[in-house]
Amino acid sequence: MNPPRPRAILFDVGETLVDETTCWSCWADAMRVPRLTFFTVPGALIAQGRSHRAVFSHFDPDFDPAREDAGEPYEIPATSLYPDALPCIAALRAQGLFVGIAGNQPKGSEAALARVGIEADGLGSSHTWGVSKPDTRFFDRIVAESGFAPAEVVHVGDRYDNDVAPARAAGLRAIWLHRGPWAHLRTAPAHVERIDSLTELPTRLA
């Protein structure tokens, strides 16, 4: 039996809508670590069951996490948006769905998403909400922001551990977007819905 048509769709940010290669490249340069060397560490951390953000303390044991919120205003280059992101959002809103966007993102991420041309009905972040994925309270907040029941909300993200599993635990329908650096770090159970591109989503939810 097909699932009921949802009333709200909530997107993760990094590697779902935004290719974070540029962001991580900037951090590698700022920490004076060769980019290729820097890029190998987050995947290894995830494979060990640790947060990929431990990459900072890996290269600098004295790294202050507050540096992520310091300095220049957070920006998302328009060229970092995946090509299917804006068309997908526009198509879903045209279907009458509430579209929200929220992820484990730093201070200023909501404004940065708006500046890059993303039109959504709701924007949030772990910084603003004071809770991060995979905590199910993050998904409770997503549901509250949408105004719909958990069963009427679909969450789309690129990580099984951070997006799909906790979203399902919070009562949401979850769809795994199989792309980005985390796509091949684990295999999701057979019952998990999966797409390989956001171009598939409007038809899937119609």
N, C-alpha and C. Protein backbone atom coordinates (compact mmCIF):
# COMPACT_ATOMS: atom_id res chain seq x y z
N MET A 1 0.84 -1.19 0.00
CA MET A 1 0.00 0.00 0.00
C MET A 1 0.87 1.24 0.00
N ASN A 2 0.55 2.20 -0.85
CA ASN A 2 1.32 3.43 -0.92
C ASN A 2 1.05 4.29 0.30
N PRO A 3 2.08 5.03 0.78
CA PRO A 3 1.87 5.91 1.93
C PRO A 3 0.96 7.07 1.54
N PRO A 4 0.25 7.65 2.52
CA PRO A 4 -0.63 8.78 2.21
C PRO A 4 0.18 9.97 1.71
N ARG A 5 -0.45 10.81 0.92
CA ARG A 5 0.24 11.99 0.41
C ARG A 5 0.55 12.93 1.58
N PRO A 6 1.80 13.39 1.68
CA PRO A 6 2.17 14.27 2.79
C PRO A 6 1.65 15.69 2.59
N ARG A 7 1.73 16.46 3.67
CA ARG A 7 1.34 17.86 3.61
C ARG A 7 2.53 18.79 3.79
N ALA A 8 3.64 18.24 4.26
CA ALA A 8 4.85 19.05 4.47
C ALA A 8 6.08 18.23 4.12
N ILE A 9 7.07 18.90 3.55
CA ILE A 9 8.34 18.27 3.21
C ILE A 9 9.45 19.10 3.84
N LEU A 10 10.33 18.45 4.58
CA LEU A 10 11.42 19.13 5.26
C LEU A 10 12.75 18.61 4.75
N PHE A 11 13.60 19.52 4.33
CA PHE A 11 14.90 19.17 3.77
C PHE A 11 16.03 19.42 4.76
N ASP A 12 16.98 18.51 4.77
CA ASP A 12 18.29 18.76 5.36
C ASP A 12 19.00 19.77 4.46
N VAL A 13 20.14 20.28 4.90
CA VAL A 13 20.87 21.29 4.12
C VAL A 13 22.11 20.70 3.44
N GLY A 14 23.13 20.39 4.25
CA GLY A 14 24.39 19.93 3.68
C GLY A 14 24.28 18.62 2.94
N GLU A 15 24.75 18.59 1.71
CA GLU A 15 24.76 17.44 0.81
C GLU A 15 23.36 17.00 0.40
N THR A 16 22.34 17.73 0.82
CA THR A 16 20.98 17.51 0.34
C THR A 16 20.63 18.61 -0.65
N LEU A 17 20.74 19.86 -0.19
CA LEU A 17 20.53 21.01 -1.07
C LEU A 17 21.85 21.66 -1.47
N VAL A 18 22.83 21.58 -0.58
CA VAL A 18 24.10 22.29 -0.77
C VAL A 18 25.26 21.32 -0.82
N ASP A 19 26.07 21.43 -1.86
CA ASP A 19 27.33 20.69 -1.96
C ASP A 19 28.34 21.41 -1.09
N GLU A 20 28.78 20.76 -0.01
CA GLU A 20 29.62 21.43 0.98
C GLU A 20 31.11 21.36 0.68
N THR A 21 31.46 20.96 -0.52
CA THR A 21 32.88 20.87 -0.88
C THR A 21 33.59 22.20 -0.68
N THR A 22 32.96 23.30 -1.11
CA THR A 22 33.58 24.62 -0.98
C THR A 22 33.79 24.98 0.48
N CYS A 23 32.78 24.71 1.30
CA CYS A 23 32.87 25.01 2.73
C CYS A 23 34.04 24.28 3.38
N TRP A 24 34.14 22.97 3.11
CA TRP A 24 35.21 22.20 3.72
C TRP A 24 36.57 22.60 3.15
N SER A 25 36.62 23.00 1.90
CA SER A 25 37.87 23.47 1.31
C SER A 25 38.36 24.72 2.03
N CYS A 26 37.43 25.61 2.35
CA CYS A 26 37.79 26.85 3.05
C CYS A 26 38.35 26.54 4.44
N TRP A 27 37.74 25.56 5.13
CA TRP A 27 38.24 25.19 6.44
C TRP A 27 39.64 24.57 6.33
N ALA A 28 39.85 23.73 5.33
CA ALA A 28 41.17 23.13 5.15
C ALA A 28 42.22 24.21 4.93
N ASP A 29 41.89 25.19 4.10
CA ASP A 29 42.83 26.29 3.84
C ASP A 29 43.08 27.10 5.10
N ALA A 30 42.02 27.38 5.86
CA ALA A 30 42.15 28.19 7.07
C ALA A 30 43.01 27.48 8.12
N MET A 31 42.93 26.14 8.15
CA MET A 31 43.71 25.38 9.12
C MET A 31 45.06 24.95 8.57
N ARG A 32 45.33 25.37 7.33
CA ARG A 32 46.61 25.09 6.67
C ARG A 32 46.88 23.60 6.58
N VAL A 33 45.84 22.88 6.20
CA VAL A 33 45.93 21.44 5.98
C VAL A 33 45.65 21.18 4.51
N PRO A 34 46.45 20.37 3.83
CA PRO A 34 46.15 20.06 2.43
C PRO A 34 44.72 19.55 2.29
N ARG A 35 44.03 20.03 1.28
CA ARG A 35 42.61 19.69 1.14
C ARG A 35 42.36 18.19 1.07
N LEU A 36 43.17 17.49 0.29
CA LEU A 36 42.97 16.05 0.15
C LEU A 36 43.12 15.36 1.50
N THR A 37 44.10 15.79 2.28
CA THR A 37 44.30 15.22 3.62
C THR A 37 43.10 15.51 4.51
N PHE A 38 42.64 16.75 4.46
CA PHE A 38 41.50 17.17 5.28
C PHE A 38 40.25 16.35 4.94
N PHE A 39 40.02 16.15 3.64
CA PHE A 39 38.79 15.48 3.19
C PHE A 39 38.73 14.00 3.59
N THR A 40 39.88 13.38 3.85
CA THR A 40 39.86 11.95 4.19
C THR A 40 39.38 11.69 5.62
N VAL A 41 39.45 12.70 6.47
CA VAL A 41 39.19 12.48 7.89
C VAL A 41 37.71 12.38 8.26
N PRO A 42 36.81 13.26 7.76
CA PRO A 42 35.41 13.15 8.18
C PRO A 42 34.79 11.77 7.94
N GLY A 43 35.08 11.16 6.80
CA GLY A 43 34.53 9.84 6.52
C GLY A 43 35.02 8.80 7.51
N ALA A 44 36.30 8.90 7.86
CA ALA A 44 36.86 7.96 8.83
C ALA A 44 36.20 8.14 10.20
N LEU A 45 35.93 9.38 10.56
CA LEU A 45 35.27 9.65 11.84
C LEU A 45 33.86 9.07 11.88
N ILE A 46 33.12 9.26 10.78
CA ILE A 46 31.77 8.72 10.71
C ILE A 46 31.79 7.20 10.80
N ALA A 47 32.76 6.58 10.12
CA ALA A 47 32.87 5.12 10.15
C ALA A 47 33.15 4.61 11.57
N GLN A 48 33.77 5.46 12.40
CA GLN A 48 34.05 5.11 13.79
C GLN A 48 32.89 5.44 14.72
N GLY A 49 31.80 5.97 14.14
CA GLY A 49 30.66 6.34 14.96
C GLY A 49 30.80 7.68 15.65
N ARG A 50 31.72 8.51 15.16
CA ARG A 50 31.96 9.83 15.76
C ARG A 50 31.42 10.92 14.83
N SER A 51 31.30 12.12 15.37
CA SER A 51 30.84 13.26 14.57
C SER A 51 31.93 13.68 13.59
N HIS A 52 31.52 13.98 12.34
CA HIS A 52 32.51 14.42 11.36
C HIS A 52 33.10 15.77 11.74
N ARG A 53 32.43 16.52 12.64
CA ARG A 53 32.96 17.82 13.05
C ARG A 53 34.18 17.69 13.96
N ALA A 54 34.47 16.47 14.40
CA ALA A 54 35.69 16.24 15.16
C ALA A 54 36.93 16.40 14.28
N VAL A 55 36.71 16.61 12.98
CA VAL A 55 37.84 16.85 12.08
C VAL A 55 38.64 18.06 12.53
N PHE A 56 37.98 19.05 13.13
CA PHE A 56 38.68 20.25 13.55
C PHE A 56 39.67 19.96 14.67
N SER A 57 39.21 19.25 15.70
CA SER A 57 40.10 18.92 16.81
C SER A 57 41.13 17.87 16.41
N HIS A 58 40.83 17.10 15.36
CA HIS A 58 41.80 16.12 14.87
C HIS A 58 43.07 16.83 14.41
N PHE A 59 42.90 17.93 13.71
CA PHE A 59 44.06 18.67 13.20
C PHE A 59 44.54 19.75 14.16
N ASP A 60 43.67 20.18 15.07
CA ASP A 60 44.03 21.21 16.04
C ASP A 60 43.36 20.87 17.37
N PRO A 61 44.07 20.19 18.28
CA PRO A 61 43.46 19.78 19.55
C PRO A 61 42.91 20.95 20.36
N ASP A 62 43.40 22.15 20.10
CA ASP A 62 42.94 23.33 20.84
C ASP A 62 41.84 24.08 20.10
N PHE A 63 41.29 23.48 19.06
CA PHE A 63 40.27 24.16 18.26
C PHE A 63 39.06 24.51 19.12
N ASP A 64 38.58 25.75 19.00
CA ASP A 64 37.41 26.23 19.73
C ASP A 64 36.20 26.12 18.82
N PRO A 65 35.20 25.29 19.15
CA PRO A 65 34.01 25.16 18.30
C PRO A 65 33.31 26.49 18.02
N ALA A 66 33.51 27.47 18.90
CA ALA A 66 32.87 28.78 18.69
C ALA A 66 33.39 29.46 17.44
N ARG A 67 34.53 29.00 16.92
CA ARG A 67 35.07 29.60 15.69
C ARG A 67 34.12 29.42 14.51
N GLU A 68 33.27 28.40 14.57
CA GLU A 68 32.32 28.19 13.48
C GLU A 68 31.31 29.32 13.39
N ASP A 69 31.10 30.02 14.49
CA ASP A 69 30.13 31.12 14.52
C ASP A 69 30.82 32.48 14.52
N ALA A 70 32.13 32.48 14.43
CA ALA A 70 32.87 33.73 14.50
C ALA A 70 33.32 34.18 13.11
N GLY A 71 33.80 35.39 13.07
CA GLY A 71 34.38 35.90 11.82
C GLY A 71 33.34 36.41 10.86
N GLU A 72 33.56 36.17 9.57
CA GLU A 72 32.69 36.70 8.53
C GLU A 72 31.30 36.06 8.58
N PRO A 73 30.27 36.78 8.15
CA PRO A 73 28.92 36.20 8.11
C PRO A 73 28.91 34.93 7.27
N TYR A 74 28.15 33.95 7.71
CA TYR A 74 28.07 32.68 7.01
C TYR A 74 27.46 32.88 5.62
N GLU A 75 28.10 32.32 4.62
CA GLU A 75 27.62 32.45 3.25
C GLU A 75 27.57 31.08 2.58
N ILE A 76 26.62 30.94 1.68
CA ILE A 76 26.52 29.75 0.84
C ILE A 76 26.64 30.22 -0.60
N PRO A 77 27.75 29.93 -1.28
CA PRO A 77 27.87 30.36 -2.68
C PRO A 77 26.76 29.75 -3.54
N ALA A 78 26.21 30.54 -4.43
CA ALA A 78 25.14 30.04 -5.30
C ALA A 78 25.60 28.82 -6.10
N THR A 79 26.89 28.79 -6.42
CA THR A 79 27.42 27.67 -7.19
C THR A 79 27.48 26.38 -6.37
N SER A 80 27.28 26.48 -5.04
CA SER A 80 27.31 25.29 -4.20
C SER A 80 25.96 24.58 -4.13
N LEU A 81 24.90 25.24 -4.61
CA LEU A 81 23.60 24.57 -4.63
C LEU A 81 23.62 23.43 -5.64
N TYR A 82 23.11 22.29 -5.25
CA TYR A 82 22.97 21.22 -6.23
C TYR A 82 21.98 21.67 -7.30
N PRO A 83 22.23 21.33 -8.58
CA PRO A 83 21.37 21.80 -9.67
C PRO A 83 19.91 21.41 -9.53
N ASP A 84 19.63 20.33 -8.82
CA ASP A 84 18.24 19.89 -8.68
C ASP A 84 17.51 20.51 -7.49
N ALA A 85 18.21 21.31 -6.68
CA ALA A 85 17.63 21.82 -5.44
C ALA A 85 16.49 22.81 -5.68
N LEU A 86 16.76 23.91 -6.36
CA LEU A 86 15.73 24.94 -6.56
C LEU A 86 14.55 24.43 -7.38
N PRO A 87 14.78 23.70 -8.50
CA PRO A 87 13.63 23.18 -9.25
C PRO A 87 12.75 22.25 -8.42
N CYS A 88 13.36 21.44 -7.57
CA CYS A 88 12.59 20.53 -6.73
C CYS A 88 11.73 21.30 -5.74
N ILE A 89 12.33 22.28 -5.07
CA ILE A 89 11.58 23.07 -4.10
C ILE A 89 10.42 23.78 -4.77
N ALA A 90 10.67 24.37 -5.93
CA ALA A 90 9.61 25.08 -6.66
C ALA A 90 8.47 24.14 -7.04
N ALA A 91 8.82 22.94 -7.49
CA ALA A 91 7.80 21.97 -7.90
C ALA A 91 6.95 21.51 -6.72
N LEU A 92 7.58 21.30 -5.57
CA LEU A 92 6.84 20.85 -4.39
C LEU A 92 5.92 21.95 -3.87
N ARG A 93 6.39 23.19 -3.89
CA ARG A 93 5.53 24.29 -3.44
C ARG A 93 4.36 24.48 -4.41
N ALA A 94 4.61 24.22 -5.69
CA ALA A 94 3.53 24.32 -6.68
C ALA A 94 2.47 23.25 -6.45
N GLN A 95 2.87 22.15 -5.81
CA GLN A 95 1.92 21.08 -5.46
C GLN A 95 1.13 21.41 -4.20
N GLY A 96 1.45 22.55 -3.58
CA GLY A 96 0.74 22.96 -2.38
C GLY A 96 1.33 22.44 -1.09
N LEU A 97 2.53 21.88 -1.15
CA LEU A 97 3.17 21.35 0.04
C LEU A 97 3.89 22.46 0.81
N PHE A 98 3.87 22.36 2.14
CA PHE A 98 4.69 23.21 2.99
C PHE A 98 6.13 22.73 2.84
N VAL A 99 7.04 23.63 2.52
CA VAL A 99 8.45 23.27 2.36
C VAL A 99 9.27 23.96 3.44
N GLY A 100 9.93 23.16 4.25
CA GLY A 100 10.82 23.68 5.28
C GLY A 100 12.23 23.16 5.08
N ILE A 101 13.19 23.90 5.61
CA ILE A 101 14.60 23.53 5.48
C ILE A 101 15.28 23.74 6.83
N ALA A 102 15.96 22.72 7.32
CA ALA A 102 16.66 22.83 8.59
C ALA A 102 17.74 21.77 8.68
N GLY A 103 18.88 22.13 9.23
CA GLY A 103 19.97 21.17 9.38
C GLY A 103 20.88 21.56 10.52
N ASN A 104 21.90 20.76 10.72
CA ASN A 104 22.92 21.08 11.71
C ASN A 104 23.83 22.15 11.10
N GLN A 105 23.42 23.38 11.26
CA GLN A 105 24.09 24.49 10.59
C GLN A 105 24.41 25.60 11.58
N PRO A 106 25.41 26.43 11.26
CA PRO A 106 25.85 27.47 12.19
C PRO A 106 24.98 28.72 12.16
N LYS A 107 25.36 29.66 12.99
CA LYS A 107 24.69 30.96 13.06
C LYS A 107 24.66 31.62 11.68
N GLY A 108 23.50 32.14 11.32
CA GLY A 108 23.37 32.86 10.05
C GLY A 108 23.01 32.00 8.87
N SER A 109 22.82 30.70 9.08
CA SER A 109 22.57 29.81 7.93
C SER A 109 21.22 30.07 7.29
N GLU A 110 20.21 30.42 8.10
CA GLU A 110 18.89 30.69 7.53
C GLU A 110 18.94 31.87 6.57
N ALA A 111 19.61 32.95 6.99
CA ALA A 111 19.73 34.13 6.13
C ALA A 111 20.54 33.81 4.88
N ALA A 112 21.57 32.97 5.04
CA ALA A 112 22.41 32.60 3.89
C ALA A 112 21.60 31.81 2.87
N LEU A 113 20.73 30.93 3.33
CA LEU A 113 19.88 30.17 2.41
C LEU A 113 18.92 31.09 1.66
N ALA A 114 18.37 32.07 2.36
CA ALA A 114 17.46 33.01 1.71
C ALA A 114 18.20 33.85 0.67
N ARG A 115 19.43 34.25 0.99
CA ARG A 115 20.20 35.09 0.06
C ARG A 115 20.55 34.35 -1.22
N VAL A 116 20.68 33.03 -1.14
CA VAL A 116 21.09 32.27 -2.31
C VAL A 116 19.90 31.94 -3.21
N GLY A 117 18.72 32.40 -2.82
CA GLY A 117 17.56 32.25 -3.69
C GLY A 117 16.60 31.14 -3.32
N ILE A 118 16.80 30.52 -2.17
CA ILE A 118 15.89 29.45 -1.75
C ILE A 118 14.64 30.07 -1.14
N GLU A 119 13.49 29.71 -1.68
CA GLU A 119 12.21 30.17 -1.16
C GLU A 119 11.53 29.01 -0.45
N ALA A 120 11.39 29.16 0.86
CA ALA A 120 10.79 28.10 1.67
C ALA A 120 9.76 28.70 2.61
N ASP A 121 8.89 27.84 3.12
CA ASP A 121 7.87 28.29 4.06
C ASP A 121 8.39 28.35 5.48
N GLY A 122 9.53 27.70 5.72
CA GLY A 122 10.12 27.71 7.05
C GLY A 122 11.60 27.38 6.97
N LEU A 123 12.41 28.09 7.77
CA LEU A 123 13.85 27.85 7.82
C LEU A 123 14.27 27.71 9.28
N GLY A 124 15.16 26.79 9.55
CA GLY A 124 15.65 26.61 10.91
C GLY A 124 17.06 26.05 10.90
N SER A 125 17.66 25.95 12.08
CA SER A 125 19.01 25.40 12.19
C SER A 125 19.25 24.92 13.61
N SER A 126 20.24 24.08 13.76
CA SER A 126 20.59 23.60 15.09
C SER A 126 21.04 24.76 15.97
N HIS A 127 21.71 25.75 15.38
CA HIS A 127 22.15 26.90 16.16
C HIS A 127 20.96 27.67 16.71
N THR A 128 19.97 27.93 15.87
CA THR A 128 18.80 28.70 16.30
C THR A 128 17.94 27.92 17.28
N TRP A 129 17.78 26.63 17.05
CA TRP A 129 16.88 25.83 17.87
C TRP A 129 17.54 25.29 19.14
N GLY A 130 18.87 25.28 19.18
CA GLY A 130 19.56 24.79 20.36
C GLY A 130 19.53 23.28 20.52
N VAL A 131 19.31 22.57 19.43
CA VAL A 131 19.32 21.11 19.45
C VAL A 131 19.77 20.62 18.08
N SER A 132 20.54 19.55 18.06
CA SER A 132 21.12 19.06 16.81
C SER A 132 20.65 17.64 16.52
N LYS A 133 20.63 17.31 15.24
CA LYS A 133 20.42 15.91 14.84
C LYS A 133 21.61 15.09 15.31
N PRO A 134 21.41 13.85 15.70
CA PRO A 134 20.22 13.02 15.52
C PRO A 134 19.23 13.05 16.69
N ASP A 135 19.33 14.01 17.58
CA ASP A 135 18.38 14.13 18.68
C ASP A 135 16.96 14.23 18.11
N THR A 136 16.06 13.39 18.57
CA THR A 136 14.70 13.40 18.02
C THR A 136 13.97 14.70 18.34
N ARG A 137 14.47 15.48 19.32
CA ARG A 137 13.84 16.78 19.60
C ARG A 137 14.00 17.74 18.43
N PHE A 138 15.05 17.55 17.64
CA PHE A 138 15.22 18.36 16.44
C PHE A 138 14.05 18.12 15.49
N PHE A 139 13.66 16.87 15.36
CA PHE A 139 12.57 16.52 14.45
C PHE A 139 11.21 16.90 15.04
N ASP A 140 11.11 16.86 16.37
CA ASP A 140 9.89 17.37 17.01
C ASP A 140 9.72 18.85 16.69
N ARG A 141 10.83 19.59 16.68
CA ARG A 141 10.76 21.02 16.36
C ARG A 141 10.37 21.23 14.90
N ILE A 142 10.90 20.41 14.02
CA ILE A 142 10.53 20.47 12.61
C ILE A 142 9.01 20.31 12.45
N VAL A 143 8.47 19.31 13.12
CA VAL A 143 7.03 19.06 13.04
C VAL A 143 6.24 20.24 13.57
N ALA A 144 6.68 20.78 14.71
CA ALA A 144 5.99 21.92 15.30
C ALA A 144 6.00 23.13 14.37
N GLU A 145 7.13 23.37 13.71
CA GLU A 145 7.25 24.50 12.79
C GLU A 145 6.32 24.33 11.59
N SER A 146 6.11 23.10 11.17
CA SER A 146 5.26 22.86 9.99
C SER A 146 3.78 23.03 10.30
N GLY A 147 3.41 22.75 11.55
CA GLY A 147 2.01 22.85 11.93
C GLY A 147 1.19 21.61 11.60
N PHE A 148 1.85 20.55 11.14
CA PHE A 148 1.15 19.32 10.78
C PHE A 148 1.51 18.19 11.74
N ALA A 149 0.80 17.10 11.63
CA ALA A 149 1.09 15.93 12.45
C ALA A 149 2.34 15.23 11.91
N PRO A 150 3.10 14.52 12.76
CA PRO A 150 4.31 13.85 12.30
C PRO A 150 4.09 12.96 11.08
N ALA A 151 2.97 12.23 11.04
CA ALA A 151 2.70 11.32 9.93
C ALA A 151 2.45 12.04 8.62
N GLU A 152 2.22 13.36 8.68
CA GLU A 152 1.97 14.15 7.48
C GLU A 152 3.23 14.83 6.96
N VAL A 153 4.35 14.58 7.64
CA VAL A 153 5.61 15.26 7.31
C VAL A 153 6.62 14.26 6.77
N VAL A 154 7.29 14.65 5.70
CA VAL A 154 8.37 13.85 5.11
C VAL A 154 9.69 14.59 5.33
N HIS A 155 10.68 13.86 5.80
CA HIS A 155 12.02 14.45 5.95
C HIS A 155 12.95 13.82 4.91
N VAL A 156 13.71 14.66 4.22
CA VAL A 156 14.66 14.20 3.21
C VAL A 156 16.06 14.61 3.62
N GLY A 157 16.97 13.65 3.70
CA GLY A 157 18.34 13.95 4.07
C GLY A 157 19.31 12.95 3.48
N ASP A 158 20.60 13.28 3.56
CA ASP A 158 21.62 12.47 2.91
C ASP A 158 22.25 11.43 3.83
N ARG A 159 21.93 11.46 5.13
CA ARG A 159 22.56 10.51 6.05
C ARG A 159 21.52 9.62 6.72
N TYR A 160 21.80 8.33 6.71
CA TYR A 160 20.89 7.40 7.37
C TYR A 160 20.91 7.62 8.88
N ASP A 161 22.10 7.77 9.45
CA ASP A 161 22.22 7.87 10.91
C ASP A 161 21.71 9.19 11.45
N ASN A 162 21.91 10.28 10.72
CA ASN A 162 21.56 11.61 11.22
C ASN A 162 20.19 12.08 10.76
N ASP A 163 19.69 11.52 9.67
CA ASP A 163 18.44 11.99 9.08
C ASP A 163 17.34 10.92 9.12
N VAL A 164 17.58 9.83 8.42
CA VAL A 164 16.52 8.84 8.22
C VAL A 164 16.10 8.16 9.52
N ALA A 165 17.06 7.57 10.21
CA ALA A 165 16.72 6.81 11.42
C ALA A 165 16.05 7.67 12.49
N PRO A 166 16.61 8.84 12.85
CA PRO A 166 15.95 9.64 13.89
C PRO A 166 14.62 10.25 13.44
N ALA A 167 14.49 10.57 12.15
CA ALA A 167 13.22 11.10 11.66
C ALA A 167 12.12 10.05 11.79
N ARG A 168 12.44 8.81 11.42
CA ARG A 168 11.47 7.73 11.56
C ARG A 168 11.13 7.49 13.03
N ALA A 169 12.13 7.60 13.90
CA ALA A 169 11.89 7.41 15.33
C ALA A 169 10.96 8.48 15.89
N ALA A 170 10.98 9.66 15.26
CA ALA A 170 10.11 10.76 15.69
C ALA A 170 8.73 10.70 15.04
N GLY A 171 8.50 9.68 14.21
CA GLY A 171 7.18 9.49 13.61
C GLY A 171 7.01 10.08 12.23
N LEU A 172 8.09 10.59 11.63
CA LEU A 172 8.01 11.16 10.30
C LEU A 172 8.27 10.09 9.25
N ARG A 173 7.79 10.31 8.07
CA ARG A 173 8.21 9.52 6.91
C ARG A 173 9.56 10.07 6.48
N ALA A 174 10.52 9.21 6.22
CA ALA A 174 11.87 9.65 5.86
C ALA A 174 12.29 9.08 4.52
N ILE A 175 12.94 9.91 3.73
CA ILE A 175 13.47 9.49 2.44
C ILE A 175 14.96 9.79 2.42
N TRP A 176 15.73 8.76 2.10
CA TRP A 176 17.19 8.90 2.08
C TRP A 176 17.64 9.33 0.70
N LEU A 177 18.27 10.50 0.63
CA LEU A 177 18.87 10.99 -0.61
C LEU A 177 20.28 10.44 -0.68
N HIS A 178 20.48 9.51 -1.58
CA HIS A 178 21.73 8.75 -1.63
C HIS A 178 22.77 9.48 -2.48
N ARG A 179 23.39 10.49 -1.88
CA ARG A 179 24.49 11.20 -2.55
C ARG A 179 25.35 11.89 -1.50
N GLY A 180 26.48 12.43 -1.95
CA GLY A 180 27.38 13.09 -1.03
C GLY A 180 28.35 12.10 -0.40
N PRO A 181 29.24 12.61 0.46
CA PRO A 181 30.31 11.77 1.02
C PRO A 181 29.84 10.67 1.95
N TRP A 182 28.60 10.77 2.48
CA TRP A 182 28.14 9.74 3.42
C TRP A 182 27.37 8.62 2.72
N ALA A 183 27.13 8.75 1.44
CA ALA A 183 26.25 7.81 0.74
C ALA A 183 26.74 6.37 0.80
N HIS A 184 28.04 6.18 0.82
CA HIS A 184 28.57 4.81 0.72
C HIS A 184 29.18 4.33 2.04
N LEU A 185 28.91 5.06 3.13
CA LEU A 185 29.48 4.66 4.41
C LEU A 185 28.66 3.58 5.11
N ARG A 186 27.41 3.41 4.70
CA ARG A 186 26.61 2.34 5.27
C ARG A 186 25.48 2.01 4.31
N THR A 187 24.90 0.85 4.51
CA THR A 187 23.76 0.41 3.71
C THR A 187 22.50 0.49 4.57
N ALA A 188 21.51 1.19 4.06
CA ALA A 188 20.25 1.32 4.80
C ALA A 188 19.43 0.04 4.67
N PRO A 189 18.58 -0.25 5.64
CA PRO A 189 17.69 -1.41 5.53
C PRO A 189 16.83 -1.34 4.28
N ALA A 190 16.40 -2.49 3.81
CA ALA A 190 15.66 -2.57 2.55
C ALA A 190 14.36 -1.78 2.57
N HIS A 191 13.75 -1.61 3.75
CA HIS A 191 12.46 -0.93 3.82
C HIS A 191 12.57 0.59 3.73
N VAL A 192 13.78 1.12 3.78
CA VAL A 192 13.96 2.57 3.76
C VAL A 192 13.77 3.11 2.34
N GLU A 193 12.96 4.16 2.21
CA GLU A 193 12.78 4.80 0.91
C GLU A 193 14.07 5.51 0.51
N ARG A 194 14.42 5.41 -0.76
CA ARG A 194 15.67 6.00 -1.23
C ARG A 194 15.46 6.64 -2.59
N ILE A 195 16.10 7.79 -2.78
CA ILE A 195 16.17 8.43 -4.09
C ILE A 195 17.62 8.78 -4.36
N ASP A 196 17.97 8.91 -5.62
CA ASP A 196 19.34 9.26 -5.99
C ASP A 196 19.46 10.71 -6.46
N SER A 197 18.34 11.38 -6.62
CA SER A 197 18.33 12.77 -7.06
C SER A 197 17.03 13.42 -6.59
N LEU A 198 17.08 14.72 -6.33
CA LEU A 198 15.86 15.43 -5.94
C LEU A 198 14.87 15.54 -7.09
N THR A 199 15.32 15.30 -8.30
CA THR A 199 14.39 15.34 -9.44
C THR A 199 13.32 14.25 -9.31
N GLU A 200 13.60 13.21 -8.55
CA GLU A 200 12.64 12.11 -8.35
C GLU A 200 11.55 12.46 -7.34
N LEU A 201 11.79 13.47 -6.51
CA LEU A 201 10.93 13.69 -5.36
C LEU A 201 9.52 14.19 -5.68
N PRO A 202 9.35 15.20 -6.54
CA PRO A 202 7.98 15.68 -6.80
C PRO A 202 7.04 14.57 -7.28
N THR A 203 7.53 13.70 -8.15
CA THR A 203 6.70 12.59 -8.62
C THR A 203 6.44 11.59 -7.50
N ARG A 204 7.47 11.33 -6.70
CA ARG A 204 7.32 10.38 -5.59
C ARG A 204 6.24 10.84 -4.60
N LEU A 205 6.13 12.14 -4.40
CA LEU A 205 5.21 12.66 -3.39
C LEU A 205 3.86 13.10 -3.96
N ALA A 206 3.72 13.03 -5.28
CA ALA A 206 2.47 13.50 -5.91
C ALA A 206 1.29 12.60 -5.55
